[in-house]
Amino acid sequence: NLTVSSEGPSWRLMVALRLLSLPQTLHHLWRAALHGQVVGEKTEARSNHTARTLCQQLLKDTQMALDKCGQPDREQLEVVKALRKEEMWILECCVKALKDSVHLDDEMSSCKANLGAMS
């Protein structure tokens, strides 16, 4: 279930990317990452960046496959082309969801900083 959808990457995919993004100095936090907990802003940003990079690479591959299809002259090729276009839409939505989550995290961090300053 390491998948992406139009809402973003699956929970399991992000957990796997968090584990892979843990610096060696934080390997002792692997259980927390495995349970989906945020183990650091840098690790979270790195895993988000990796997910976006993967989606963008898949988008390039899909676009190249679509370009090779050209003007299909058979019904089967039309189906393949339609599936590839749907795949592109899902990946584009996933990349947008990942970018939005980074902006939301940035906003929450600044709000916490502002609350801390007010205390």
Protein backbone atom coordinates (compact mmCIF):
# COMPACT_ATOMS: atom_id res chain seq x y z
CA ASN A 1 0.00 0.00 0.00
CA LEU A 2 2.82 2.41 -0.81
CA THR A 3 0.64 4.43 -3.15
CA VAL A 4 -0.30 7.93 -4.16
CA SER A 5 -3.78 9.26 -4.78
CA SER A 6 -5.26 12.60 -5.71
CA GLU A 7 -5.33 13.43 -1.97
CA GLY A 8 -1.61 12.76 -1.60
CA PRO A 9 0.68 9.88 -0.70
CA SER A 10 -0.59 7.00 1.41
CA TRP A 11 0.10 7.00 5.13
CA ARG A 12 2.32 3.93 4.72
CA LEU A 13 4.36 5.58 1.96
CA MET A 14 5.01 8.62 4.13
CA VAL A 15 5.98 6.41 7.09
CA ALA A 16 8.47 4.56 4.87
CA LEU A 17 9.88 7.85 3.60
CA ARG A 18 10.17 9.20 7.17
CA LEU A 19 12.12 6.10 8.16
CA LEU A 20 14.41 6.48 5.15
CA SER A 21 14.85 10.19 5.90
CA LEU A 22 15.97 9.71 9.50
CA PRO A 23 19.55 10.90 9.93
CA GLN A 24 21.86 8.42 11.60
CA THR A 25 21.85 10.47 14.80
CA LEU A 26 18.08 9.95 15.11
CA HIS A 27 17.87 6.24 14.27
CA HIS A 28 16.82 5.57 17.86
CA LEU A 29 13.49 7.28 17.00
CA TRP A 30 12.57 4.65 14.39
CA ARG A 31 9.62 3.39 16.46
CA ALA A 32 8.08 6.85 16.66
CA ALA A 33 8.51 7.27 12.89
CA LEU A 34 7.00 3.82 12.33
CA HIS A 35 3.92 4.91 14.28
CA GLY A 36 3.56 7.97 12.07
CA GLN A 37 4.83 10.51 14.57
CA VAL A 38 6.78 13.52 13.38
CA VAL A 39 10.35 13.06 14.60
CA GLY A 40 11.71 16.39 13.47
CA GLU A 41 11.01 19.22 11.08
CA LYS A 42 14.03 18.42 8.90
CA THR A 43 13.08 14.75 8.63
CA GLU A 44 9.51 15.71 7.79
CA ALA A 45 10.66 18.18 5.15
CA ARG A 46 13.10 15.64 3.69
CA SER A 47 10.44 12.91 3.44
CA ASN A 48 7.98 15.37 1.88
CA HIS A 49 10.62 16.47 -0.64
CA THR A 50 11.39 12.84 -1.50
CA ALA A 51 7.69 12.12 -2.09
CA ARG A 52 7.39 15.17 -4.36
CA THR A 53 10.53 14.17 -6.26
CA LEU A 54 9.15 10.65 -6.80
CA CYS A 55 5.83 12.03 -8.05
CA GLN A 56 7.54 14.48 -10.36
CA GLN A 57 9.72 11.71 -11.83
CA LEU A 58 6.65 9.56 -12.39
CA LEU A 59 4.97 12.54 -14.04
CA LYS A 60 7.91 12.89 -16.44
CA ASP A 61 7.80 9.16 -17.24
CA THR A 62 4.06 9.33 -17.86
CA GLN A 63 4.41 12.39 -20.09
CA MET A 64 7.12 10.64 -22.12
CA ALA A 65 4.90 7.58 -22.53
CA LEU A 66 2.03 9.80 -23.67
CA ASP A 67 4.27 11.57 -26.15
CA LYS A 68 5.31 8.22 -27.62
CA CYS A 69 1.66 7.27 -28.12
CA GLY A 70 1.18 10.17 -30.51
CA GLN A 71 -2.10 9.80 -32.37
CA PRO A 72 -3.37 6.30 -31.55
CA ASP A 73 -5.16 4.58 -34.37
CA ARG A 74 -6.53 1.70 -32.34
CA GLU A 75 -9.07 1.57 -29.56
CA GLN A 76 -6.60 -0.15 -27.18
CA LEU A 77 -4.14 2.70 -27.50
CA GLU A 78 -6.89 5.19 -26.66
CA VAL A 79 -7.56 3.29 -23.44
CA VAL A 80 -3.85 3.30 -22.56
CA LYS A 81 -3.67 7.02 -23.30
CA ALA A 82 -6.71 7.70 -21.09
CA LEU A 83 -5.18 5.69 -18.22
CA ARG A 84 -1.89 7.55 -18.53
CA LYS A 85 -3.73 10.90 -18.44
CA GLU A 86 -5.57 9.80 -15.30
CA GLU A 87 -2.25 8.78 -13.77
CA MET A 88 -0.87 12.23 -14.55
CA TRP A 89 -3.87 13.91 -12.91
CA ILE A 90 -3.44 11.80 -9.76
CA LEU A 91 0.29 12.56 -9.55
CA GLU A 92 -0.27 16.28 -10.12
CA CYS A 93 -2.88 16.35 -7.35
CA CYS A 94 -0.51 14.44 -5.07
CA VAL A 95 2.33 16.92 -5.69
CA LYS A 96 -0.07 19.79 -4.96
CA ALA A 97 -1.23 18.11 -1.73
CA LEU A 98 2.40 17.67 -0.65
CA LYS A 99 3.19 21.32 -1.40
CA ASP A 100 0.07 22.44 0.47
CA SER A 101 1.06 20.34 3.49
CA VAL A 102 4.47 22.03 3.60
CA HIS A 103 2.83 25.46 3.49
CA LEU A 104 0.40 24.40 6.22
CA ASP A 105 3.29 23.15 8.38
CA ASP A 106 5.12 26.46 7.84
CA GLU A 107 2.00 28.40 8.86
CA MET A 108 1.52 26.26 11.98
CA SER A 109 5.19 26.73 12.96
CA SER A 110 4.92 30.51 12.64
CA CYS A 111 1.68 30.50 14.63
CA LYS A 112 3.36 28.50 17.42
CA ALA A 113 6.30 30.91 17.36
CA ASN A 114 3.92 33.87 17.60
CA LEU A 115 2.04 32.25 20.49
CA GLY A 116 5.34 31.56 22.26
CA ALA A 117 6.38 35.19 21.82
CA MET A 118 3.05 36.38 23.24
CA SER A 119 3.38 34.23 26.39
